Structures are given as C-alpha cells and as structure tokens.
C-alpha cells in the first residue's frame, strides 16, 4: 500500500469516527470532520501533507 492510499484511508476513517462520535457522544465531534476537510483542502492546494511525509520517513513508498 502506498502513502497516498494510507492518507486517504486515514482521512476517511477519521470522518466516519467523528460522525459516529457526534451522534453518540457530543455534536462537537463534528469539528474533527471540519478539521479533516480543511486539511484535505490545504493538502490539495499546497501539495503538502504532514502524514504523508511521516509515512515516507517510516519507509512507506510514495506511489507517485
């Protein structure tokens, strides 16, 4: 699995987890969904993602 695939899977899991937590614990968990969305927007514009850089340092191949 490549770093960009892991980043997208992680983002999807965070969105689903925050929706589940917002329905069961507190609606404030939707702030996590907003943060993930803003991070995806930022990485799409700037072409820089911290998680992807960390994964590459740990030896996960790029995929580009």
PDB file of N, CA and C in Angstrom:
ATOM      1  N   UNK A   1       0.847  -1.169   0.000  1.00  0.00           N
ATOM      2  CA  UNK A   1       0.000   0.000   0.000  1.00  0.00           C
ATOM      3  C   UNK A   1       0.898   1.240   0.000  1.00  0.00           C
ATOM      4  N   UNK A   2       0.518   2.243  -0.749  1.00  0.00           N
ATOM      5  CA  UNK A   2       1.335   3.448  -0.869  1.00  0.00           C
ATOM      6  C   UNK A   2       0.897   4.514   0.141  1.00  0.00           C
ATOM      7  N   UNK A   3       1.752   5.520   0.308  1.00  0.00           N
ATOM      8  CA  UNK A   3       1.487   6.555   1.312  1.00  0.00           C
ATOM      9  C   UNK A   3       0.207   7.333   1.011  1.00  0.00           C
ATOM     10  N   UNK A   4      -0.053   7.635  -0.255  1.00  0.00           N
ATOM     11  CA  UNK A   4      -1.255   8.411  -0.557  1.00  0.00           C
ATOM     12  C   UNK A   4      -2.521   7.598  -0.290  1.00  0.00           C
ATOM     13  N   UNK A   5      -2.454   6.275  -0.465  1.00  0.00           N
ATOM     14  CA  UNK A   5      -3.613   5.444  -0.147  1.00  0.00           C
ATOM     15  C   UNK A   5      -3.874   5.415   1.356  1.00  0.00           C
ATOM     16  N   UNK A   6      -2.806   5.316   2.131  1.00  0.00           N
ATOM     17  CA  UNK A   6      -2.941   5.292   3.586  1.00  0.00           C
ATOM     18  C   UNK A   6      -3.508   6.620   4.087  1.00  0.00           C
ATOM     19  N   UNK A   7      -3.056   7.727   3.518  1.00  0.00           N
ATOM     20  CA  UNK A   7      -3.557   9.042   3.926  1.00  0.00           C
ATOM     21  C   UNK A   7      -5.053   9.143   3.678  1.00  0.00           C
ATOM     22  N   UNK A   8      -5.501   8.693   2.536  1.00  0.00           N
ATOM     23  CA  UNK A   8      -6.928   8.792   2.211  1.00  0.00           C
ATOM     24  C   UNK A   8      -7.772   7.845   3.065  1.00  0.00           C
ATOM     25  N   UNK A   9      -7.267   6.661   3.336  1.00  0.00           N
ATOM     26  CA  UNK A   9      -7.968   5.729   4.226  1.00  0.00           C
ATOM     27  C   UNK A   9      -8.062   6.320   5.625  1.00  0.00           C
ATOM     28  N   UNK A  10      -6.964   6.894   6.112  1.00  0.00           N
ATOM     29  CA  UNK A  10      -6.947   7.507   7.441  1.00  0.00           C
ATOM     30  C   UNK A  10      -7.945   8.664   7.516  1.00  0.00           C
ATOM     31  N   UNK A  11      -7.982   9.504   6.490  1.00  0.00           N
ATOM     32  CA  UNK A  11      -8.920  10.631   6.467  1.00  0.00           C
ATOM     33  C   UNK A  11     -10.361  10.133   6.478  1.00  0.00           C
ATOM     34  N   UNK A  12     -10.646   9.109   5.695  1.00  0.00           N
ATOM     35  CA  UNK A  12     -11.996   8.543   5.680  1.00  0.00           C
ATOM     36  C   UNK A  12     -12.398   7.957   7.020  1.00  0.00           C
ATOM     37  N   UNK A  13     -11.472   7.262   7.665  1.00  0.00           N
ATOM     38  CA  UNK A  13     -11.751   6.706   8.991  1.00  0.00           C
ATOM     39  C   UNK A  13     -11.996   7.804  10.019  1.00  0.00           C
ATOM     40  N   UNK A  14     -11.234   8.891   9.936  1.00  0.00           N
ATOM     41  CA  UNK A  14     -11.425   9.997  10.880  1.00  0.00           C
ATOM     42  C   UNK A  14     -12.789  10.658  10.684  1.00  0.00           C
ATOM     43  N   UNK A  15     -13.214  10.816   9.443  1.00  0.00           N
ATOM     44  CA  UNK A  15     -14.531  11.405   9.173  1.00  0.00           C
ATOM     45  C   UNK A  15     -15.635  10.496   9.714  1.00  0.00           C
ATOM     46  N   UNK A  16     -15.542   9.202   9.435  1.00  0.00           N
ATOM     47  CA  UNK A  16     -16.567   8.273   9.925  1.00  0.00           C
ATOM     48  C   UNK A  16     -16.581   8.195  11.440  1.00  0.00           C
ATOM     49  N   UNK A  17     -15.401   8.191  12.057  1.00  0.00           N
ATOM     50  CA  UNK A  17     -15.334   8.146  13.517  1.00  0.00           C
ATOM     51  C   UNK A  17     -15.935   9.406  14.127  1.00  0.00           C
ATOM     52  N   UNK A  18     -15.631  10.560  13.553  1.00  0.00           N
ATOM     53  CA  UNK A  18     -16.161  11.798  14.121  1.00  0.00           C
ATOM     54  C   UNK A  18     -17.673  11.895  13.949  1.00  0.00           C
ATOM     55  N   UNK A  19     -18.202  11.375  12.863  1.00  0.00           N
ATOM     56  CA  UNK A  19     -19.657  11.371  12.689  1.00  0.00           C
ATOM     57  C   UNK A  19     -20.299  10.448  13.718  1.00  0.00           C
ATOM     58  N   UNK A  20     -19.720   9.271  13.901  1.00  0.00           N
ATOM     59  CA  UNK A  20     -20.245   8.352  14.904  1.00  0.00           C
ATOM     60  C   UNK A  20     -20.187   8.940  16.308  1.00  0.00           C
ATOM     61  N   UNK A  21     -19.072   9.578  16.641  1.00  0.00           N
ATOM     62  CA  UNK A  21     -18.940  10.196  17.961  1.00  0.00           C
ATOM     63  C   UNK A  21     -19.887  11.384  18.126  1.00  0.00           C
ATOM     64  N   UNK A  22     -20.135  12.114  17.056  1.00  0.00           N
ATOM     65  CA  UNK A  22     -21.049  13.256  17.153  1.00  0.00           C
ATOM     66  C   UNK A  22     -22.485  12.801  17.370  1.00  0.00           C
ATOM     67  N   UNK A  23     -22.827  11.622  16.867  1.00  0.00           N
ATOM     68  CA  UNK A  23     -24.182  11.098  17.061  1.00  0.00           C
ATOM     69  C   UNK A  23     -24.374  10.471  18.435  1.00  0.00           C
ATOM     70  N   UNK A  24     -23.301   9.967  19.029  1.00  0.00           N
ATOM     71  CA  UNK A  24     -23.438   9.248  20.295  1.00  0.00           C
ATOM     72  C   UNK A  24     -22.921  10.018  21.506  1.00  0.00           C
ATOM     73  N   UNK A  25     -21.898  10.845  21.338  1.00  0.00           N
ATOM     74  CA  UNK A  25     -21.267  11.496  22.489  1.00  0.00           C
ATOM     75  C   UNK A  25     -21.613  12.978  22.543  1.00  0.00           C
ATOM     76  N   UNK A  26     -21.169  13.718  21.528  1.00  0.00           N
ATOM     77  CA  UNK A  26     -21.374  15.163  21.517  1.00  0.00           C
ATOM     78  C   UNK A  26     -21.295  15.677  20.092  1.00  0.00           C
ATOM     79  N   UNK A  27     -22.154  16.632  19.736  1.00  0.00           N
ATOM     80  CA  UNK A  27     -22.069  17.194  18.380  1.00  0.00           C
ATOM     81  C   UNK A  27     -20.776  17.947  18.116  1.00  0.00           C
ATOM     82  N   UNK A  28     -20.026  18.277  19.154  1.00  0.00           N
ATOM     83  CA  UNK A  28     -18.755  18.967  18.973  1.00  0.00           C
ATOM     84  C   UNK A  28     -17.730  18.115  18.241  1.00  0.00           C
ATOM     85  N   UNK A  29     -17.941  16.811  18.155  1.00  0.00           N
ATOM     86  CA  UNK A  29     -17.021  15.945  17.407  1.00  0.00           C
ATOM     87  C   UNK A  29     -17.046  16.256  15.912  1.00  0.00           C
ATOM     88  N   UNK A  30     -18.066  16.973  15.450  1.00  0.00           N
ATOM     89  CA  UNK A  30     -18.097  17.372  14.040  1.00  0.00           C
ATOM     90  C   UNK A  30     -16.977  18.354  13.706  1.00  0.00           C
ATOM     91  N   UNK A  31     -16.393  18.965  14.725  1.00  0.00           N
ATOM     92  CA  UNK A  31     -15.238  19.831  14.499  1.00  0.00           C
ATOM     93  C   UNK A  31     -14.073  19.029  13.921  1.00  0.00           C
ATOM     94  N   UNK A  32     -13.955  17.762  14.315  1.00  0.00           N
ATOM     95  CA  UNK A  32     -12.921  16.900  13.747  1.00  0.00           C
ATOM     96  C   UNK A  32     -13.165  16.681  12.254  1.00  0.00           C
ATOM     97  N   UNK A  33     -14.420  16.517  11.873  1.00  0.00           N
ATOM     98  CA  UNK A  33     -14.756  16.378  10.453  1.00  0.00           C
ATOM     99  C   UNK A  33     -14.344  17.631   9.689  1.00  0.00           C
ATOM    100  N   UNK A  34     -14.626  18.796  10.262  1.00  0.00           N
ATOM    101  CA  UNK A  34     -14.239  20.057   9.620  1.00  0.00           C
ATOM    102  C   UNK A  34     -12.721  20.162   9.513  1.00  0.00           C
ATOM    103  N   UNK A  35     -12.005  19.758  10.553  1.00  0.00           N
ATOM    104  CA  UNK A  35     -10.546  19.807  10.523  1.00  0.00           C
ATOM    105  C   UNK A  35      -9.990  18.900   9.427  1.00  0.00           C
ATOM    106  N   UNK A  36     -10.519  17.696   9.312  1.00  0.00           N
ATOM    107  CA  UNK A  36     -10.061  16.761   8.274  1.00  0.00           C
ATOM    108  C   UNK A  36     -10.338  17.342   6.888  1.00  0.00           C
ATOM    109  N   UNK A  37     -11.523  17.921   6.712  1.00  0.00           N
ATOM    110  CA  UNK A  37     -11.862  18.533   5.426  1.00  0.00           C
ATOM    111  C   UNK A  37     -10.945  19.685   5.072  1.00  0.00           C
ATOM    112  N   UNK A  38     -10.654  20.538   6.062  1.00  0.00           N
ATOM    113  CA  UNK A  38      -9.732  21.652   5.816  1.00  0.00           C
ATOM    114  C   UNK A  38      -8.325  21.157   5.503  1.00  0.00           C
ATOM    115  N   UNK A  39      -7.902  20.104   6.185  1.00  0.00           N
ATOM    116  CA  UNK A  39      -6.579  19.540   5.926  1.00  0.00           C
ATOM    117  C   UNK A  39      -6.504  18.957   4.514  1.00  0.00           C
ATOM    118  N   UNK A  40      -7.559  18.277   4.084  1.00  0.00           N
ATOM    119  CA  UNK A  40      -7.581  17.746   2.716  1.00  0.00           C
ATOM    120  C   UNK A  40      -7.555  18.876   1.688  1.00  0.00           C
ATOM    121  N   UNK A  41      -8.298  19.934   1.962  1.00  0.00           N
ATOM    122  CA  UNK A  41      -8.301  21.093   1.068  1.00  0.00           C
ATOM    123  C   UNK A  41      -6.913  21.724   0.999  1.00  0.00           C
ATOM    124  N   UNK A  42      -6.287  21.916   2.152  1.00  0.00           N
ATOM    125  CA  UNK A  42      -4.946  22.505   2.207  1.00  0.00           C
ATOM    126  C   UNK A  42      -3.938  21.639   1.468  1.00  0.00           C
ATOM    127  N   UNK A  43      -3.992  20.322   1.674  1.00  0.00           N
ATOM    128  CA  UNK A  43      -3.013  19.458   1.007  1.00  0.00           C
ATOM    129  C   UNK A  43      -3.257  19.385  -0.496  1.00  0.00           C
ATOM    130  N   UNK A  44      -4.500  19.527  -0.907  1.00  0.00           N
ATOM    131  CA  UNK A  44      -4.789  19.548  -2.335  1.00  0.00           C
ATOM    132  C   UNK A  44      -4.274  20.799  -3.024  1.00  0.00           C
ATOM    133  N   UNK A  45      -4.321  21.915  -2.305  1.00  0.00           N
ATOM    134  CA  UNK A  45      -3.855  23.182  -2.873  1.00  0.00           C
ATOM    135  C   UNK A  45      -2.334  23.285  -2.810  1.00  0.00           C
ATOM    136  N   UNK A  46      -1.767  22.954  -1.655  1.00  0.00           N
ATOM    137  CA  UNK A  46      -0.332  23.158  -1.470  1.00  0.00           C
ATOM    138  C   UNK A  46       0.513  21.947  -1.867  1.00  0.00           C
ATOM    139  N   UNK A  47      -0.123  20.802  -2.058  1.00  0.00           N
ATOM    140  CA  UNK A  47       0.560  19.546  -2.391  1.00  0.00           C
ATOM    141  C   UNK A  47       1.531  19.133  -1.281  1.00  0.00           C
ATOM    142  N   UNK A  48       1.204  19.448  -0.009  1.00  0.00           N
ATOM    143  CA  UNK A  48       1.999  19.066   1.144  1.00  0.00           C
ATOM    144  C   UNK A  48       1.083  18.467   2.198  1.00  0.00           C
ATOM    145  N   UNK A  49       1.460  17.304   2.718  1.00  0.00           N
ATOM    146  CA  UNK A  49       0.674  16.624   3.744  1.00  0.00           C
ATOM    147  C   UNK A  49       1.636  16.052   4.784  1.00  0.00           C
ATOM    148  N   UNK A  50       1.449  16.452   6.036  1.00  0.00           N
ATOM    149  CA  UNK A  50       2.329  16.013   7.112  1.00  0.00           C
ATOM    150  C   UNK A  50       2.300  14.499   7.280  1.00  0.00           C
ATOM    151  N   UNK A  51       1.113  13.900   7.270  1.00  0.00           N
ATOM    152  CA  UNK A  51       1.022  12.449   7.451  1.00  0.00           C
ATOM    153  C   UNK A  51       1.755  11.702   6.344  1.00  0.00           C
ATOM    154  N   UNK A  52       1.629  12.173   5.120  1.00  0.00           N
ATOM    155  CA  UNK A  52       2.323  11.523   4.012  1.00  0.00           C
ATOM    156  C   UNK A  52       3.842  11.626   4.167  1.00  0.00           C
ATOM    157  N   UNK A  53       4.327  12.768   4.625  1.00  0.00           N
ATOM    158  CA  UNK A  53       5.764  12.919   4.868  1.00  0.00           C
ATOM    159  C   UNK A  53       6.233  11.978   5.967  1.00  0.00           C
ATOM    160  N   UNK A  54       5.453  11.855   7.032  1.00  0.00           N
ATOM    161  CA  UNK A  54       5.811  10.940   8.120  1.00  0.00           C
ATOM    162  C   UNK A  54       5.836   9.490   7.645  1.00  0.00           C
ATOM    163  N   UNK A  55       4.853   9.113   6.848  1.00  0.00           N
ATOM    164  CA  UNK A  55       4.804   7.747   6.331  1.00  0.00           C
ATOM    165  C   UNK A  55       6.021   7.445   5.456  1.00  0.00           C
ATOM    166  N   UNK A  56       6.426   8.399   4.652  1.00  0.00           N
ATOM    167  CA  UNK A  56       7.606   8.203   3.799  1.00  0.00           C
ATOM    168  C   UNK A  56       8.870   8.043   4.629  1.00  0.00           C
ATOM    169  N   UNK A  57       8.964   8.784   5.738  1.00  0.00           N
ATOM    170  CA  UNK A  57      10.118   8.640   6.630  1.00  0.00           C
ATOM    171  C   UNK A  57      10.180   7.253   7.255  1.00  0.00           C
ATOM    172  N   UNK A  58       9.011   6.642   7.459  1.00  0.00           N
ATOM    173  CA  UNK A  58       8.960   5.288   8.024  1.00  0.00           C
ATOM    174  C   UNK A  58       9.108   4.209   6.962  1.00  0.00           C
ATOM    175  N   UNK A  59       9.356   4.613   5.715  1.00  0.00           N
ATOM    176  CA  UNK A  59       9.662   3.649   4.675  1.00  0.00           C
ATOM    177  C   UNK A  59       8.518   3.229   3.780  1.00  0.00           C
ATOM    178  N   UNK A  60       7.353   3.862   3.925  1.00  0.00           N
ATOM    179  CA  UNK A  60       6.226   3.547   3.038  1.00  0.00           C
ATOM    180  C   UNK A  60       6.510   4.189   1.688  1.00  0.00           C
ATOM    181  N   UNK A  61       6.298   3.435   0.613  1.00  0.00           N
ATOM    182  CA  UNK A  61       6.627   4.003  -0.700  1.00  0.00           C
ATOM    183  C   UNK A  61       5.593   5.039  -1.138  1.00  0.00           C
ATOM    184  N   UNK A  62       6.056   5.934  -1.970  1.00  0.00           N
ATOM    185  CA  UNK A  62       5.292   7.126  -2.351  1.00  0.00           C
ATOM    186  C   UNK A  62       4.057   6.806  -3.183  1.00  0.00           C
ATOM    187  N   UNK A  63       4.204   6.095  -4.243  1.00  0.00           N
ATOM    188  CA  UNK A  63       3.069   5.778  -5.110  1.00  0.00           C
ATOM    189  C   UNK A  63       2.868   6.747  -6.243  1.00  0.00           C
ATOM    190  N   UNK A  64       3.639   7.820  -6.310  1.00  0.00           N
ATOM    191  CA  UNK A  64       3.527   8.799  -7.393  1.00  0.00           C
ATOM    192  C   UNK A  64       4.439   8.423  -8.535  1.00  0.00           C
TER     193      UNK A  64
END
